[in-house]
Amino acid sequence: MPSTRKQTTTRINGKRVRIVTQNGKTVVTDAPIEEWRMQAAQVRRLRGMREYAKHAGEAGPGKFTLAGDQNAAKRGPKARTQAVAAGLTSGEHDVRIYMWPGSLGLIENKVGKAKLEASQETRHPLLAALGFTQQAVIRSTTEDDAANQAETLVRGWLAANDNQHAVAEKIAADVGKIAA
Protein backbone atom coordinates (compact mmCIF):
# COMPACT_ATOMS: atom_id res chain seq x y z
CA MET A 1 0.00 0.00 0.00
CA PRO A 2 1.49 3.40 -0.97
CA SER A 3 2.43 5.79 1.78
CA THR A 4 0.13 8.78 2.20
CA ARG A 5 1.53 11.91 3.74
CA LYS A 6 -0.33 15.09 4.56
CA GLN A 7 1.31 18.14 6.12
CA THR A 8 -0.17 21.40 7.36
CA THR A 9 1.01 24.31 9.44
CA THR A 10 -1.36 25.97 11.88
CA ARG A 11 -1.55 27.56 15.30
CA ILE A 12 -2.43 25.71 18.48
CA ASN A 13 -2.77 27.82 21.62
CA GLY A 14 -1.04 30.68 19.76
CA LYS A 15 2.00 28.63 18.77
CA ARG A 16 2.83 27.72 15.15
CA VAL A 17 3.01 23.98 14.71
CA ARG A 18 3.43 21.55 11.84
CA ILE A 19 1.06 18.60 11.75
CA VAL A 20 2.18 15.63 9.67
CA THR A 21 -0.07 12.66 9.10
CA GLN A 22 1.44 9.60 7.43
CA ASN A 23 0.03 6.08 7.25
CA GLY A 24 -2.53 6.85 9.96
CA LYS A 25 0.03 8.28 12.40
CA THR A 26 -0.05 12.00 13.30
CA VAL A 27 2.96 13.90 14.62
CA VAL A 28 2.85 17.52 15.84
CA THR A 29 6.13 19.46 15.95
CA ASP A 30 7.16 23.10 16.22
CA ALA A 31 6.90 24.81 12.84
CA PRO A 32 10.00 26.54 11.49
CA ILE A 33 10.15 30.31 11.77
CA GLU A 34 8.62 32.25 8.92
CA GLU A 35 11.28 33.97 6.82
CA TRP A 36 9.55 37.37 7.03
CA ARG A 37 9.87 37.25 10.82
CA MET A 38 13.64 36.78 10.50
CA GLN A 39 13.78 39.75 8.16
CA ALA A 40 11.65 41.93 10.46
CA ALA A 41 13.95 41.11 13.39
CA GLN A 42 16.98 42.04 11.29
CA VAL A 43 15.43 45.34 10.21
CA ARG A 44 14.54 46.24 13.81
CA ARG A 45 18.10 45.46 14.96
CA LEU A 46 19.80 47.28 12.09
CA ARG A 47 17.61 50.37 12.45
CA GLY A 48 18.61 50.47 16.11
CA MET A 49 22.33 50.66 15.35
CA ARG A 50 24.04 54.03 15.85
CA GLU A 51 25.47 53.68 12.33
CA TYR A 52 21.98 53.65 10.79
CA ALA A 53 21.18 56.88 8.93
CA LYS A 54 17.51 57.89 8.92
CA HIS A 55 17.93 60.94 6.65
CA ALA A 56 20.52 62.61 4.40
CA GLY A 57 21.85 64.82 7.19
CA GLU A 58 23.09 61.71 9.00
CA ALA A 59 24.87 60.18 5.99
CA GLY A 60 28.65 60.00 6.03
CA PRO A 61 31.60 57.75 6.88
CA GLY A 62 30.58 54.57 8.67
CA LYS A 63 26.86 55.12 8.01
CA PHE A 64 24.25 53.03 6.21
CA THR A 65 20.55 52.82 5.52
CA LEU A 66 18.49 49.87 4.32
CA ALA A 67 15.52 48.68 2.32
CA GLY A 68 13.70 45.38 2.48
CA ASP A 69 11.72 43.44 -0.10
CA GLN A 70 8.82 41.06 0.05
CA ASN A 71 9.19 39.47 -3.37
CA ALA A 72 7.91 36.17 -2.03
CA ALA A 73 4.72 37.73 -0.70
CA LYS A 74 1.53 35.97 -1.70
CA ARG A 75 -0.37 37.96 -4.32
CA GLY A 76 -3.46 37.33 -6.38
CA PRO A 77 -3.15 37.20 -10.17
CA LYS A 78 -4.01 40.90 -10.66
CA ALA A 79 -1.62 42.11 -7.92
CA ARG A 80 1.14 39.86 -9.27
CA THR A 81 0.70 41.19 -12.81
CA GLN A 82 0.84 44.76 -11.50
CA ALA A 83 3.93 44.06 -9.37
CA VAL A 84 5.84 42.44 -12.25
CA ALA A 85 4.86 45.27 -14.62
CA ALA A 86 6.12 47.78 -12.04
CA GLY A 87 9.53 46.05 -11.85
CA LEU A 88 9.25 43.39 -9.14
CA THR A 89 11.96 40.88 -10.02
CA SER A 90 12.08 37.29 -8.83
CA GLY A 91 15.27 36.30 -7.06
CA GLU A 92 16.07 39.69 -5.53
CA HIS A 93 17.68 39.68 -2.08
CA ASP A 94 15.52 40.25 1.00
CA VAL A 95 17.45 43.22 2.43
CA ARG A 96 19.59 45.85 0.73
CA ILE A 97 22.20 47.72 2.78
CA TYR A 98 23.20 51.09 1.28
CA MET A 99 26.56 52.15 2.72
CA TRP A 100 28.56 55.35 2.49
CA PRO A 101 30.21 56.21 0.08
CA GLY A 102 28.09 54.32 -2.45
CA SER A 103 28.46 50.64 -1.62
CA LEU A 104 25.68 48.04 -1.65
CA GLY A 105 25.35 44.96 0.55
CA LEU A 106 22.74 42.31 -0.21
CA ILE A 107 21.26 39.88 2.33
CA GLU A 108 19.23 36.78 1.48
CA ASN A 109 17.47 35.00 4.34
CA LYS A 110 16.82 31.28 4.50
CA VAL A 111 15.23 29.27 7.27
CA GLY A 112 17.60 26.53 8.39
CA LYS A 113 18.94 24.53 5.47
CA ALA A 114 16.40 25.76 2.91
CA LYS A 115 17.86 25.98 -0.58
CA LEU A 116 17.98 29.04 -2.79
CA GLU A 117 15.14 29.15 -5.28
CA ALA A 118 15.91 28.80 -9.00
CA SER A 119 15.29 32.53 -9.54
CA GLN A 120 17.82 33.32 -6.78
CA GLU A 121 20.35 30.88 -8.27
CA THR A 122 20.11 32.98 -11.45
CA ARG A 123 19.74 36.50 -10.04
CA HIS A 124 22.45 36.53 -7.34
CA PRO A 125 25.32 35.58 -9.71
CA LEU A 126 24.04 38.14 -12.24
CA LEU A 127 24.28 40.89 -9.61
CA ALA A 128 27.78 39.69 -8.66
CA ALA A 129 28.82 39.78 -12.34
CA LEU A 130 27.61 43.40 -12.45
CA GLY A 131 29.95 44.22 -9.55
CA PHE A 132 27.60 43.85 -6.58
CA THR A 133 29.76 41.35 -4.76
CA GLN A 134 28.84 42.09 -1.14
CA GLN A 135 26.23 39.35 -0.88
CA ALA A 136 25.41 36.99 1.96
CA VAL A 137 22.92 34.25 2.74
CA ILE A 138 21.90 34.24 6.38
CA ARG A 139 20.61 30.87 7.57
CA SER A 140 18.80 30.86 10.85
CA THR A 141 16.00 29.25 12.81
CA THR A 142 15.35 32.08 15.29
CA GLU A 143 14.68 35.80 15.06
CA ASP A 144 17.47 36.66 17.50
CA ASP A 145 20.09 34.63 15.63
CA ALA A 146 19.03 36.19 12.31
CA ALA A 147 19.33 39.68 13.81
CA ASN A 148 22.72 38.88 15.37
CA GLN A 149 24.07 37.55 12.07
CA ALA A 150 22.79 40.60 10.15
CA GLU A 151 24.33 43.04 12.63
CA THR A 152 27.69 41.23 12.56
CA LEU A 153 27.63 41.14 8.76
CA VAL A 154 26.77 44.83 8.37
CA ARG A 155 29.42 45.86 10.92
CA GLY A 156 31.98 43.88 8.89
CA TRP A 157 30.89 45.52 5.64
CA LEU A 158 31.08 48.97 7.22
CA ALA A 159 34.58 48.31 8.56
CA ALA A 160 35.73 47.07 5.14
CA ASN A 161 34.23 50.17 3.46
CA ASP A 162 35.95 52.47 5.97
CA ASN A 163 39.29 50.72 5.33
CA GLN A 164 38.88 50.98 1.54
CA HIS A 165 37.98 54.67 1.82
CA ALA A 166 41.01 55.36 4.05
CA VAL A 167 43.31 53.63 1.54
CA ALA A 168 41.80 55.62 -1.35
CA GLU A 169 42.29 58.90 0.55
CA LYS A 170 45.93 58.00 1.28
CA ILE A 171 46.57 57.16 -2.38
CA ALA A 172 44.96 60.43 -3.46
CA ALA A 173 47.10 62.35 -0.94
CA ASP A 174 50.26 60.57 -2.11
CA VAL A 175 49.42 61.29 -5.76
CA GLY A 176 48.90 64.94 -4.82
CA LYS A 177 52.33 65.06 -3.16
CA ILE A 178 53.99 63.50 -6.20
CA ALA A 179 52.26 65.95 -8.57
CA ALA A 180 53.28 68.96 -6.45
C-alpha atoms as a PDB file:
ATOM      1  CA  MET A   1       0.000   0.000   0.000  1.00  0.00           C
ATOM      2  CA  PRO A   2       1.490   3.401  -0.966  1.00  0.00           C
ATOM      3  CA  SER A   3       2.432   5.787   1.779  1.00  0.00           C
ATOM      4  CA  THR A   4       0.127   8.784   2.203  1.00  0.00           C
ATOM      5  CA  ARG A   5       1.534  11.913   3.739  1.00  0.00           C
ATOM      6  CA  LYS A   6      -0.327  15.088   4.563  1.00  0.00           C
ATOM      7  CA  GLN A   7       1.308  18.137   6.116  1.00  0.00           C
ATOM      8  CA  THR A   8      -0.172  21.395   7.357  1.00  0.00           C
ATOM      9  CA  THR A   9       1.012  24.310   9.439  1.00  0.00           C
ATOM     10  CA  THR A  10      -1.362  25.970  11.876  1.00  0.00           C
ATOM     11  CA  ARG A  11      -1.555  27.564  15.299  1.00  0.00           C
ATOM     12  CA  ILE A  12      -2.435  25.705  18.482  1.00  0.00           C
ATOM     13  CA  ASN A  13      -2.766  27.824  21.616  1.00  0.00           C
ATOM     14  CA  GLY A  14      -1.044  30.682  19.757  1.00  0.00           C
ATOM     15  CA  LYS A  15       1.995  28.627  18.765  1.00  0.00           C
ATOM     16  CA  ARG A  16       2.832  27.719  15.152  1.00  0.00           C
ATOM     17  CA  VAL A  17       3.010  23.980  14.713  1.00  0.00           C
ATOM     18  CA  ARG A  18       3.429  21.554  11.844  1.00  0.00           C
ATOM     19  CA  ILE A  19       1.059  18.596  11.749  1.00  0.00           C
ATOM     20  CA  VAL A  20       2.184  15.632   9.671  1.00  0.00           C
ATOM     21  CA  THR A  21      -0.069  12.658   9.100  1.00  0.00           C
ATOM     22  CA  GLN A  22       1.442   9.600   7.434  1.00  0.00           C
ATOM     23  CA  ASN A  23       0.033   6.083   7.254  1.00  0.00           C
ATOM     24  CA  GLY A  24      -2.533   6.846   9.956  1.00  0.00           C
ATOM     25  CA  LYS A  25       0.028   8.284  12.399  1.00  0.00           C
ATOM     26  CA  THR A  26      -0.045  12.004  13.302  1.00  0.00           C
ATOM     27  CA  VAL A  27       2.957  13.903  14.619  1.00  0.00           C
ATOM     28  CA  VAL A  28       2.854  17.517  15.838  1.00  0.00           C
ATOM     29  CA  THR A  29       6.131  19.462  15.947  1.00  0.00           C
ATOM     30  CA  ASP A  30       7.164  23.099  16.216  1.00  0.00           C
ATOM     31  CA  ALA A  31       6.904  24.809  12.841  1.00  0.00           C
ATOM     32  CA  PRO A  32       9.998  26.543  11.489  1.00  0.00           C
ATOM     33  CA  ILE A  33      10.151  30.307  11.774  1.00  0.00           C
ATOM     34  CA  GLU A  34       8.621  32.249   8.917  1.00  0.00           C
ATOM     35  CA  GLU A  35      11.279  33.974   6.823  1.00  0.00           C
ATOM     36  CA  TRP A  36       9.554  37.367   7.031  1.00  0.00           C
ATOM     37  CA  ARG A  37       9.868  37.253  10.823  1.00  0.00           C
ATOM     38  CA  MET A  38      13.639  36.778  10.501  1.00  0.00           C
ATOM     39  CA  GLN A  39      13.781  39.752   8.159  1.00  0.00           C
ATOM     40  CA  ALA A  40      11.645  41.928  10.456  1.00  0.00           C
ATOM     41  CA  ALA A  41      13.950  41.112  13.393  1.00  0.00           C
ATOM     42  CA  GLN A  42      16.980  42.045  11.288  1.00  0.00           C
ATOM     43  CA  VAL A  43      15.432  45.341  10.208  1.00  0.00           C
ATOM     44  CA  ARG A  44      14.543  46.239  13.814  1.00  0.00           C
ATOM     45  CA  ARG A  45      18.096  45.463  14.962  1.00  0.00           C
ATOM     46  CA  LEU A  46      19.799  47.277  12.093  1.00  0.00           C
ATOM     47  CA  ARG A  47      17.615  50.365  12.447  1.00  0.00           C
ATOM     48  CA  GLY A  48      18.609  50.470  16.108  1.00  0.00           C
ATOM     49  CA  MET A  49      22.329  50.655  15.347  1.00  0.00           C
ATOM     50  CA  ARG A  50      24.036  54.034  15.849  1.00  0.00           C
ATOM     51  CA  GLU A  51      25.474  53.682  12.328  1.00  0.00           C
ATOM     52  CA  TYR A  52      21.977  53.653  10.793  1.00  0.00           C
ATOM     53  CA  ALA A  53      21.183  56.883   8.928  1.00  0.00           C
ATOM     54  CA  LYS A  54      17.513  57.890   8.921  1.00  0.00           C
ATOM     55  CA  HIS A  55      17.931  60.938   6.653  1.00  0.00           C
ATOM     56  CA  ALA A  56      20.517  62.610   4.402  1.00  0.00           C
ATOM     57  CA  GLY A  57      21.848  64.825   7.187  1.00  0.00           C
ATOM     58  CA  GLU A  58      23.089  61.713   8.996  1.00  0.00           C
ATOM     59  CA  ALA A  59      24.867  60.177   5.987  1.00  0.00           C
ATOM     60  CA  GLY A  60      28.653  59.996   6.029  1.00  0.00           C
ATOM     61  CA  PRO A  61      31.597  57.750   6.877  1.00  0.00           C
ATOM     62  CA  GLY A  62      30.577  54.567   8.674  1.00  0.00           C
ATOM     63  CA  LYS A  63      26.862  55.122   8.013  1.00  0.00           C
ATOM     64  CA  PHE A  64      24.251  53.030   6.213  1.00  0.00           C
ATOM     65  CA  THR A  65      20.550  52.816   5.519  1.00  0.00           C
ATOM     66  CA  LEU A  66      18.489  49.874   4.317  1.00  0.00           C
ATOM     67  CA  ALA A  67      15.518  48.684   2.324  1.00  0.00           C
ATOM     68  CA  GLY A  68      13.702  45.380   2.475  1.00  0.00           C
ATOM     69  CA  ASP A  69      11.719  43.439  -0.099  1.00  0.00           C
ATOM     70  CA  GLN A  70       8.822  41.064   0.052  1.00  0.00           C
ATOM     71  CA  ASN A  71       9.194  39.473  -3.373  1.00  0.00           C
ATOM     72  CA  ALA A  72       7.914  36.168  -2.030  1.00  0.00           C
ATOM     73  CA  ALA A  73       4.716  37.730  -0.700  1.00  0.00           C
ATOM     74  CA  LYS A  74       1.531  35.970  -1.702  1.00  0.00           C
ATOM     75  CA  ARG A  75      -0.372  37.960  -4.320  1.00  0.00           C
ATOM     76  CA  GLY A  76      -3.455  37.326  -6.383  1.00  0.00           C
ATOM     77  CA  PRO A  77      -3.154  37.202 -10.175  1.00  0.00           C
ATOM     78  CA  LYS A  78      -4.009  40.897 -10.658  1.00  0.00           C
ATOM     79  CA  ALA A  79      -1.621  42.114  -7.923  1.00  0.00           C
ATOM     80  CA  ARG A  80       1.145  39.860  -9.266  1.00  0.00           C
ATOM     81  CA  THR A  81       0.697  41.191 -12.810  1.00  0.00           C
ATOM     82  CA  GLN A  82       0.843  44.762 -11.503  1.00  0.00           C
ATOM     83  CA  ALA A  83       3.932  44.059  -9.369  1.00  0.00           C
ATOM     84  CA  VAL A  84       5.838  42.437 -12.250  1.00  0.00           C
ATOM     85  CA  ALA A  85       4.863  45.267 -14.619  1.00  0.00           C
ATOM     86  CA  ALA A  86       6.121  47.775 -12.042  1.00  0.00           C
ATOM     87  CA  GLY A  87       9.531  46.049 -11.848  1.00  0.00           C
ATOM     88  CA  LEU A  88       9.245  43.388  -9.137  1.00  0.00           C
ATOM     89  CA  THR A  89      11.957  40.880 -10.022  1.00  0.00           C
ATOM     90  CA  SER A  90      12.079  37.291  -8.830  1.00  0.00           C
ATOM     91  CA  GLY A  91      15.267  36.300  -7.061  1.00  0.00           C
ATOM     92  CA  GLU A  92      16.070  39.687  -5.526  1.00  0.00           C
ATOM     93  CA  HIS A  93      17.678  39.682  -2.084  1.00  0.00           C
ATOM     94  CA  ASP A  94      15.524  40.250   1.004  1.00  0.00           C
ATOM     95  CA  VAL A  95      17.446  43.216   2.434  1.00  0.00           C
ATOM     96  CA  ARG A  96      19.590  45.849   0.731  1.00  0.00           C
ATOM     97  CA  ILE A  97      22.198  47.717   2.776  1.00  0.00           C
ATOM     98  CA  TYR A  98      23.203  51.087   1.282  1.00  0.00           C
ATOM     99  CA  MET A  99      26.563  52.154   2.717  1.00  0.00           C
ATOM    100  CA  TRP A 100      28.560  55.354   2.493  1.00  0.00           C
ATOM    101  CA  PRO A 101      30.207  56.209   0.080  1.00  0.00           C
ATOM    102  CA  GLY A 102      28.087  54.323  -2.450  1.00  0.00           C
ATOM    103  CA  SER A 103      28.464  50.643  -1.620  1.00  0.00           C
ATOM    104  CA  LEU A 104      25.679  48.039  -1.654  1.00  0.00           C
ATOM    105  CA  GLY A 105      25.354  44.964   0.547  1.00  0.00           C
ATOM    106  CA  LEU A 106      22.739  42.306  -0.206  1.00  0.00           C
ATOM    107  CA  ILE A 107      21.264  39.877   2.326  1.00  0.00           C
ATOM    108  CA  GLU A 108      19.231  36.784   1.483  1.00  0.00           C
ATOM    109  CA  ASN A 109      17.469  34.995   4.343  1.00  0.00           C
ATOM    110  CA  LYS A 110      16.819  31.280   4.501  1.00  0.00           C
ATOM    111  CA  VAL A 111      15.228  29.269   7.271  1.00  0.00           C
ATOM    112  CA  GLY A 112      17.596  26.528   8.390  1.00  0.00           C
ATOM    113  CA  LYS A 113      18.944  24.527   5.474  1.00  0.00           C
ATOM    114  CA  ALA A 114      16.401  25.755   2.913  1.00  0.00           C
ATOM    115  CA  LYS A 115      17.856  25.978  -0.582  1.00  0.00           C
ATOM    116  CA  LEU A 116      17.979  29.045  -2.785  1.00  0.00           C
ATOM    117  CA  GLU A 117      15.140  29.147  -5.283  1.00  0.00           C
ATOM    118  CA  ALA A 118      15.912  28.804  -8.997  1.00  0.00           C
ATOM    119  CA  SER A 119      15.291  32.532  -9.536  1.00  0.00           C
ATOM    120  CA  GLN A 120      17.819  33.320  -6.777  1.00  0.00           C
ATOM    121  CA  GLU A 121      20.352  30.885  -8.265  1.00  0.00           C
ATOM    122  CA  THR A 122      20.112  32.978 -11.452  1.00  0.00           C
ATOM    123  CA  ARG A 123      19.736  36.499 -10.041  1.00  0.00           C
ATOM    124  CA  HIS A 124      22.452  36.527  -7.340  1.00  0.00           C
ATOM    125  CA  PRO A 125      25.321  35.576  -9.709  1.00  0.00           C
ATOM    126  CA  LEU A 126      24.041  38.143 -12.237  1.00  0.00           C
ATOM    127  CA  LEU A 127      24.282  40.886  -9.611  1.00  0.00           C
ATOM    128  CA  ALA A 128      27.777  39.693  -8.663  1.00  0.00           C
ATOM    129  CA  ALA A 129      28.815  39.783 -12.343  1.00  0.00           C
ATOM    130  CA  LEU A 130      27.613  43.397 -12.455  1.00  0.00           C
ATOM    131  CA  GLY A 131      29.952  44.225  -9.553  1.00  0.00           C
ATOM    132  CA  PHE A 132      27.597  43.849  -6.578  1.00  0.00           C
ATOM    133  CA  THR A 133      29.761  41.346  -4.758  1.00  0.00           C
ATOM    134  CA  GLN A 134      28.843  42.087  -1.135  1.00  0.00           C
ATOM    135  CA  GLN A 135      26.231  39.347  -0.878  1.00  0.00           C
ATOM    136  CA  ALA A 136      25.413  36.989   1.957  1.00  0.00           C
ATOM    137  CA  VAL A 137      22.923  34.249   2.738  1.00  0.00           C
ATOM    138  CA  ILE A 138      21.897  34.235   6.380  1.00  0.00           C
ATOM    139  CA  ARG A 139      20.614  30.870   7.566  1.00  0.00           C
ATOM    140  CA  SER A 140      18.801  30.861  10.850  1.00  0.00           C
ATOM    141  CA  THR A 141      15.998  29.252  12.812  1.00  0.00           C
ATOM    142  CA  THR A 142      15.346  32.078  15.292  1.00  0.00           C
ATOM    143  CA  GLU A 143      14.679  35.801  15.057  1.00  0.00           C
ATOM    144  CA  ASP A 144      17.470  36.657  17.505  1.00  0.00           C
ATOM    145  CA  ASP A 145      20.086  34.634  15.634  1.00  0.00           C
ATOM    146  CA  ALA A 146      19.026  36.193  12.311  1.00  0.00           C
ATOM    147  CA  ALA A 147      19.329  39.681  13.810  1.00  0.00           C
ATOM    148  CA  ASN A 148      22.724  38.881  15.369  1.00  0.00           C
ATOM    149  CA  GLN A 149      24.066  37.553  12.066  1.00  0.00           C
ATOM    150  CA  ALA A 150      22.794  40.596  10.151  1.00  0.00           C
ATOM    151  CA  GLU A 151      24.335  43.035  12.634  1.00  0.00           C
ATOM    152  CA  THR A 152      27.695  41.233  12.556  1.00  0.00           C
ATOM    153  CA  LEU A 153      27.625  41.141   8.757  1.00  0.00           C
ATOM    154  CA  VAL A 154      26.773  44.833   8.371  1.00  0.00           C
ATOM    155  CA  ARG A 155      29.422  45.860  10.919  1.00  0.00           C
ATOM    156  CA  GLY A 156      31.981  43.881   8.887  1.00  0.00           C
ATOM    157  CA  TRP A 157      30.887  45.518   5.639  1.00  0.00           C
ATOM    158  CA  LEU A 158      31.075  48.973   7.222  1.00  0.00           C
ATOM    159  CA  ALA A 159      34.577  48.311   8.556  1.00  0.00           C
ATOM    160  CA  ALA A 160      35.727  47.074   5.136  1.00  0.00           C
ATOM    161  CA  ASN A 161      34.234  50.166   3.465  1.00  0.00           C
ATOM    162  CA  ASP A 162      35.948  52.466   5.968  1.00  0.00           C
ATOM    163  CA  ASN A 163      39.294  50.721   5.325  1.00  0.00           C
ATOM    164  CA  GLN A 164      38.882  50.985   1.545  1.00  0.00           C
ATOM    165  CA  HIS A 165      37.978  54.670   1.823  1.00  0.00           C
ATOM    166  CA  ALA A 166      41.012  55.362   4.047  1.00  0.00           C
ATOM    167  CA  VAL A 167      43.314  53.631   1.545  1.00  0.00           C
ATOM    168  CA  ALA A 168      41.796  55.618  -1.352  1.00  0.00           C
ATOM    169  CA  GLU A 169      42.290  58.899   0.555  1.00  0.00           C
ATOM    170  CA  LYS A 170      45.933  57.996   1.281  1.00  0.00           C
ATOM    171  CA  ILE A 171      46.572  57.159  -2.376  1.00  0.00           C
ATOM    172  CA  ALA A 172      44.962  60.428  -3.457  1.00  0.00           C
ATOM    173  CA  ALA A 173      47.098  62.349  -0.939  1.00  0.00           C
ATOM    174  CA  ASP A 174      50.264  60.572  -2.112  1.00  0.00           C
ATOM    175  CA  VAL A 175      49.420  61.287  -5.757  1.00  0.00           C
ATOM    176  CA  GLY A 176      48.896  64.935  -4.815  1.00  0.00           C
ATOM    177  CA  LYS A 177      52.329  65.058  -3.156  1.00  0.00           C
ATOM    178  CA  ILE A 178      53.989  63.498  -6.204  1.00  0.00           C
ATOM    179  CA  ALA A 179      52.262  65.950  -8.569  1.00  0.00           C
ATOM    180  CA  ALA A 180      53.283  68.960  -6.451  1.00  0.00           C
END
